[in-house]
N, C-alpha and C. Protein backbone atom coordinates (compact mmCIF):
# COMPACT_ATOMS: atom_id res chain seq x y z
N UNK A 1 21.72 8.62 9.01
CA UNK A 1 21.83 7.19 9.18
C UNK A 1 22.49 6.59 7.94
N UNK A 2 23.10 5.48 8.15
CA UNK A 2 23.77 4.79 7.04
C UNK A 2 22.74 4.04 6.18
N UNK A 3 23.12 3.69 4.96
CA UNK A 3 22.21 2.89 4.14
C UNK A 3 21.82 1.56 4.82
N UNK A 4 22.76 0.97 5.54
CA UNK A 4 22.46 -0.28 6.24
C UNK A 4 21.41 -0.05 7.34
N UNK A 5 21.53 1.07 8.03
CA UNK A 5 20.54 1.38 9.07
C UNK A 5 19.17 1.63 8.47
N UNK A 6 19.12 2.34 7.34
CA UNK A 6 17.84 2.55 6.66
C UNK A 6 17.26 1.22 6.19
N UNK A 7 18.12 0.29 5.77
CA UNK A 7 17.65 -1.03 5.37
C UNK A 7 17.00 -1.75 6.55
N UNK A 8 17.62 -1.65 7.72
CA UNK A 8 17.05 -2.26 8.92
C UNK A 8 15.72 -1.62 9.27
N UNK A 9 15.64 -0.30 9.16
CA UNK A 9 14.36 0.39 9.42
C UNK A 9 13.31 -0.12 8.43
N UNK A 10 13.69 -0.28 7.17
CA UNK A 10 12.76 -0.79 6.16
C UNK A 10 12.26 -2.19 6.50
N UNK A 11 13.15 -3.02 7.02
CA UNK A 11 12.73 -4.36 7.44
C UNK A 11 11.75 -4.29 8.60
N UNK A 12 11.99 -3.36 9.53
CA UNK A 12 11.04 -3.18 10.64
C UNK A 12 9.68 -2.72 10.12
N UNK A 13 9.68 -1.80 9.17
CA UNK A 13 8.43 -1.31 8.58
C UNK A 13 7.70 -2.45 7.88
N UNK A 14 8.44 -3.24 7.11
CA UNK A 14 7.82 -4.38 6.42
C UNK A 14 7.18 -5.33 7.43
N UNK A 15 7.87 -5.61 8.53
CA UNK A 15 7.34 -6.50 9.56
C UNK A 15 6.07 -5.91 10.17
N UNK A 16 6.11 -4.61 10.52
CA UNK A 16 4.92 -3.97 11.09
C UNK A 16 3.77 -3.98 10.09
N UNK A 17 4.06 -3.72 8.83
CA UNK A 17 3.01 -3.74 7.81
C UNK A 17 2.35 -5.12 7.72
N UNK A 18 3.17 -6.17 7.78
CA UNK A 18 2.61 -7.54 7.73
C UNK A 18 1.77 -7.83 8.98
N UNK A 19 2.23 -7.40 10.12
CA UNK A 19 1.55 -7.70 11.37
C UNK A 19 0.31 -6.83 11.61
N UNK A 20 0.40 -5.54 11.26
CA UNK A 20 -0.65 -4.58 11.63
C UNK A 20 -1.34 -3.91 10.45
N UNK A 21 -0.86 -4.13 9.24
CA UNK A 21 -1.42 -3.41 8.10
C UNK A 21 -0.80 -2.04 7.97
N UNK A 22 -1.33 -1.27 7.01
CA UNK A 22 -0.74 0.05 6.75
C UNK A 22 -1.85 1.05 6.41
N UNK A 23 -2.98 0.95 7.05
CA UNK A 23 -4.08 1.87 6.78
C UNK A 23 -3.89 3.17 7.58
N UNK A 24 -4.85 4.06 7.45
CA UNK A 24 -4.76 5.35 8.15
C UNK A 24 -4.69 5.19 9.67
N UNK A 25 -5.42 4.22 10.18
CA UNK A 25 -5.40 3.97 11.62
C UNK A 25 -3.99 3.58 12.07
N UNK A 26 -3.35 2.71 11.31
CA UNK A 26 -1.99 2.28 11.65
C UNK A 26 -1.01 3.44 11.55
N UNK A 27 -1.17 4.29 10.54
CA UNK A 27 -0.30 5.48 10.45
C UNK A 27 -0.42 6.33 11.69
N UNK A 28 -1.65 6.54 12.14
CA UNK A 28 -1.88 7.34 13.35
C UNK A 28 -1.25 6.67 14.57
N UNK A 29 -1.38 5.35 14.65
CA UNK A 29 -0.80 4.65 15.80
C UNK A 29 0.72 4.73 15.81
N UNK A 30 1.33 4.75 14.64
CA UNK A 30 2.80 4.90 14.58
C UNK A 30 3.22 6.28 15.07
N UNK A 31 2.40 7.28 14.81
CA UNK A 31 2.69 8.61 15.36
C UNK A 31 2.48 8.63 16.87
N UNK A 32 1.44 7.98 17.34
CA UNK A 32 1.21 7.90 18.78
C UNK A 32 2.33 7.14 19.48
N UNK A 33 2.87 6.13 18.83
CA UNK A 33 3.99 5.39 19.40
C UNK A 33 5.18 6.32 19.60
N UNK A 34 5.36 7.25 18.70
CA UNK A 34 6.44 8.24 18.85
C UNK A 34 6.22 9.07 20.12
N UNK A 35 4.99 9.48 20.36
CA UNK A 35 4.67 10.24 21.57
C UNK A 35 4.98 9.40 22.81
N UNK A 36 4.63 8.13 22.77
CA UNK A 36 4.93 7.23 23.90
C UNK A 36 6.43 7.17 24.17
N UNK A 37 7.20 7.03 23.11
CA UNK A 37 8.66 6.93 23.27
C UNK A 37 9.25 8.22 23.83
N UNK A 38 8.76 9.36 23.38
CA UNK A 38 9.24 10.64 23.92
C UNK A 38 8.92 10.72 25.41
N UNK A 39 7.75 10.24 25.81
CA UNK A 39 7.40 10.20 27.23
C UNK A 39 8.38 9.36 28.03
N UNK A 40 8.85 8.27 27.44
CA UNK A 40 9.81 7.42 28.13
C UNK A 40 11.16 8.11 28.28
N UNK A 41 11.52 8.97 27.33
CA UNK A 41 12.74 9.78 27.48
C UNK A 41 12.58 10.70 28.71
N UNK A 42 11.42 11.36 28.79
CA UNK A 42 11.17 12.23 29.94
C UNK A 42 11.21 11.46 31.25
N UNK A 43 10.60 10.29 31.26
CA UNK A 43 10.59 9.47 32.47
C UNK A 43 12.03 9.09 32.87
N UNK A 44 12.84 8.71 31.91
CA UNK A 44 14.22 8.34 32.20
C UNK A 44 15.00 9.54 32.72
N UNK A 45 14.76 10.72 32.14
CA UNK A 45 15.48 11.91 32.60
C UNK A 45 15.06 12.30 34.02
N UNK A 46 13.78 12.21 34.31
CA UNK A 46 13.31 12.46 35.67
C UNK A 46 14.00 11.49 36.63
N UNK A 47 14.10 10.23 36.22
CA UNK A 47 14.77 9.24 37.04
C UNK A 47 16.26 9.49 37.17
N UNK A 48 16.88 10.04 36.15
CA UNK A 48 18.30 10.38 36.19
C UNK A 48 18.56 11.51 37.19
N UNK A 49 17.68 12.48 37.20
CA UNK A 49 17.88 13.65 38.07
C UNK A 49 17.35 13.45 39.47
N UNK A 50 16.60 12.37 39.70
CA UNK A 50 16.02 12.15 41.02
C UNK A 50 14.92 13.15 41.34
N UNK A 51 14.28 13.70 40.30
CA UNK A 51 13.27 14.74 40.48
C UNK A 51 12.09 14.27 41.32
N UNK A 52 11.77 13.00 41.28
CA UNK A 52 10.68 12.46 42.10
C UNK A 52 11.27 12.00 43.43
N UNK A 53 11.05 12.78 44.51
CA UNK A 53 11.69 12.44 45.79
C UNK A 53 11.22 11.09 46.35
N UNK A 54 10.07 10.65 45.96
CA UNK A 54 9.58 9.36 46.45
C UNK A 54 10.39 8.21 45.85
N UNK A 55 10.86 8.38 44.61
CA UNK A 55 11.60 7.31 43.94
C UNK A 55 13.11 7.52 43.98
N UNK A 56 13.56 8.78 44.01
CA UNK A 56 14.99 9.05 43.97
C UNK A 56 15.57 8.84 42.58
N UNK A 57 16.86 8.59 42.53
CA UNK A 57 17.56 8.38 41.26
C UNK A 57 17.33 6.94 40.83
N UNK A 58 16.69 6.76 39.69
CA UNK A 58 16.32 5.43 39.21
C UNK A 58 16.89 5.11 37.83
N UNK A 59 17.47 6.08 37.16
CA UNK A 59 17.96 5.88 35.80
C UNK A 59 19.37 6.45 35.66
N UNK A 60 20.04 6.06 34.59
CA UNK A 60 21.38 6.54 34.28
C UNK A 60 21.35 7.33 32.97
N UNK A 61 22.44 7.98 32.67
CA UNK A 61 22.56 8.65 31.36
C UNK A 61 22.41 7.65 30.23
N UNK A 62 22.92 6.45 30.43
CA UNK A 62 22.78 5.41 29.40
C UNK A 62 21.31 5.06 29.17
N UNK A 63 20.50 5.09 30.22
CA UNK A 63 19.06 4.84 30.06
C UNK A 63 18.41 5.94 29.21
N UNK A 64 18.80 7.18 29.45
CA UNK A 64 18.25 8.29 28.67
C UNK A 64 18.68 8.13 27.21
N UNK A 65 19.96 7.82 26.98
CA UNK A 65 20.45 7.63 25.62
C UNK A 65 19.71 6.49 24.92
N UNK A 66 19.47 5.41 25.64
CA UNK A 66 18.73 4.27 25.08
C UNK A 66 17.33 4.69 24.65
N UNK A 67 16.66 5.44 25.49
CA UNK A 67 15.30 5.91 25.16
C UNK A 67 15.33 6.88 23.98
N UNK A 68 16.35 7.72 23.90
CA UNK A 68 16.47 8.62 22.74
C UNK A 68 16.64 7.83 21.45
N UNK A 69 17.38 6.74 21.52
CA UNK A 69 17.52 5.88 20.33
C UNK A 69 16.18 5.28 19.93
N UNK A 70 15.37 4.90 20.92
CA UNK A 70 14.02 4.40 20.61
C UNK A 70 13.21 5.46 19.88
N UNK A 71 13.36 6.73 20.28
CA UNK A 71 12.65 7.82 19.60
C UNK A 71 13.11 7.93 18.15
N UNK A 72 14.41 7.86 17.93
CA UNK A 72 14.94 7.98 16.58
C UNK A 72 14.42 6.85 15.69
N UNK A 73 14.47 5.63 16.19
CA UNK A 73 14.00 4.48 15.40
C UNK A 73 12.50 4.60 15.13
N UNK A 74 11.74 4.96 16.15
CA UNK A 74 10.29 5.08 16.00
C UNK A 74 9.94 6.18 15.00
N UNK A 75 10.66 7.29 15.05
CA UNK A 75 10.43 8.37 14.09
C UNK A 75 10.78 7.93 12.67
N UNK A 76 11.87 7.19 12.52
CA UNK A 76 12.25 6.72 11.20
C UNK A 76 11.22 5.73 10.64
N UNK A 77 10.68 4.88 11.51
CA UNK A 77 9.63 3.96 11.08
C UNK A 77 8.39 4.76 10.64
N UNK A 78 7.99 5.73 11.44
CA UNK A 78 6.82 6.55 11.10
C UNK A 78 7.04 7.34 9.81
N UNK A 79 8.26 7.80 9.60
CA UNK A 79 8.57 8.57 8.39
C UNK A 79 8.25 7.77 7.12
N UNK A 80 8.40 6.47 7.18
CA UNK A 80 8.06 5.62 6.03
C UNK A 80 6.60 5.76 5.61
N UNK A 81 5.74 6.13 6.54
CA UNK A 81 4.31 6.28 6.22
C UNK A 81 4.00 7.60 5.53
N UNK A 82 4.96 8.50 5.50
CA UNK A 82 4.71 9.84 4.97
C UNK A 82 5.69 10.25 3.87
N UNK A 83 6.58 9.36 3.49
CA UNK A 83 7.57 9.68 2.46
C UNK A 83 7.85 8.43 1.62
N UNK A 84 7.93 8.62 0.31
CA UNK A 84 8.30 7.50 -0.57
C UNK A 84 9.78 7.15 -0.42
N UNK A 85 10.59 8.13 -0.03
CA UNK A 85 12.04 7.91 0.14
C UNK A 85 12.45 8.54 1.47
N UNK A 86 12.23 7.84 2.58
CA UNK A 86 12.50 8.43 3.88
C UNK A 86 13.96 8.82 4.09
N UNK A 87 14.89 8.06 3.54
CA UNK A 87 16.30 8.40 3.70
C UNK A 87 16.60 9.75 3.03
N UNK A 88 16.09 9.95 1.82
CA UNK A 88 16.31 11.22 1.12
C UNK A 88 15.58 12.36 1.82
N UNK A 89 14.39 12.09 2.33
CA UNK A 89 13.64 13.12 3.06
C UNK A 89 14.42 13.56 4.28
N UNK A 90 14.94 12.59 5.03
CA UNK A 90 15.72 12.91 6.23
C UNK A 90 17.00 13.67 5.87
N UNK A 91 17.70 13.20 4.84
CA UNK A 91 18.95 13.86 4.43
C UNK A 91 18.69 15.31 4.01
N UNK A 92 17.62 15.53 3.26
CA UNK A 92 17.29 16.89 2.82
C UNK A 92 16.96 17.78 4.01
N UNK A 93 16.23 17.25 4.97
CA UNK A 93 15.88 18.04 6.16
C UNK A 93 17.13 18.37 6.96
N UNK A 94 18.00 17.39 7.15
CA UNK A 94 19.24 17.64 7.89
C UNK A 94 20.10 18.67 7.17
N UNK A 95 20.19 18.58 5.84
CA UNK A 95 20.93 19.57 5.06
C UNK A 95 20.33 20.97 5.22
N UNK A 96 19.01 21.06 5.22
CA UNK A 96 18.34 22.35 5.37
C UNK A 96 18.62 22.95 6.75
N UNK A 97 18.58 22.11 7.77
CA UNK A 97 18.87 22.59 9.13
C UNK A 97 20.32 23.06 9.22
N UNK A 98 21.23 22.29 8.63
CA UNK A 98 22.65 22.67 8.65
C UNK A 98 22.87 23.98 7.89
N UNK A 99 22.23 24.14 6.75
CA UNK A 99 22.38 25.38 5.97
C UNK A 99 21.82 26.57 6.74
N UNK A 100 20.70 26.37 7.39
CA UNK A 100 20.10 27.44 8.18
C UNK A 100 20.99 27.81 9.36
N UNK A 101 21.66 26.84 9.92
CA UNK A 101 22.49 27.06 11.11
C UNK A 101 23.88 27.57 10.76
N UNK A 102 24.50 26.92 9.77
CA UNK A 102 25.90 27.20 9.47
C UNK A 102 26.11 27.94 8.15
N UNK A 103 25.06 28.16 7.40
CA UNK A 103 25.17 28.76 6.08
C UNK A 103 25.34 27.67 5.04
N UNK A 104 25.21 28.04 3.78
CA UNK A 104 25.33 27.03 2.71
C UNK A 104 26.73 26.43 2.69
N UNK A 105 26.83 25.17 2.25
CA UNK A 105 28.15 24.54 2.20
C UNK A 105 29.04 25.28 1.20
N UNK A 106 30.31 25.42 1.54
CA UNK A 106 31.22 26.12 0.64
C UNK A 106 31.81 25.12 -0.36
N UNK A 107 32.33 25.65 -1.43
CA UNK A 107 32.92 24.80 -2.48
C UNK A 107 34.21 24.15 -1.99
N UNK A 108 34.80 24.66 -0.92
CA UNK A 108 36.07 24.12 -0.43
C UNK A 108 35.87 22.95 0.51
N UNK A 109 34.65 22.68 0.94
CA UNK A 109 34.43 21.55 1.86
C UNK A 109 34.33 20.25 1.16
């Protein structure tokens, strides 16, 4: 994510902290919210594929993408509860995944 996007996530966290506090209960609820959002991705995908014959096709690929974005934002908000520098934590994790997948970055890149 860009620095501007992390700034927006930080503003969302600040708003949630003002509205709901930031105790252990709230941390747990932010994790549960992530589970809820993942469920909505599944629901949208089921609707995209028409897997439920009673309902048929009820969602589009754009709906699934929208729900996936909700997961990303919700995870980034939750990450603030577990990291002093969520942007650096995310960048380090992404770098580790890339190194594991593609090998260490070369000096020529």
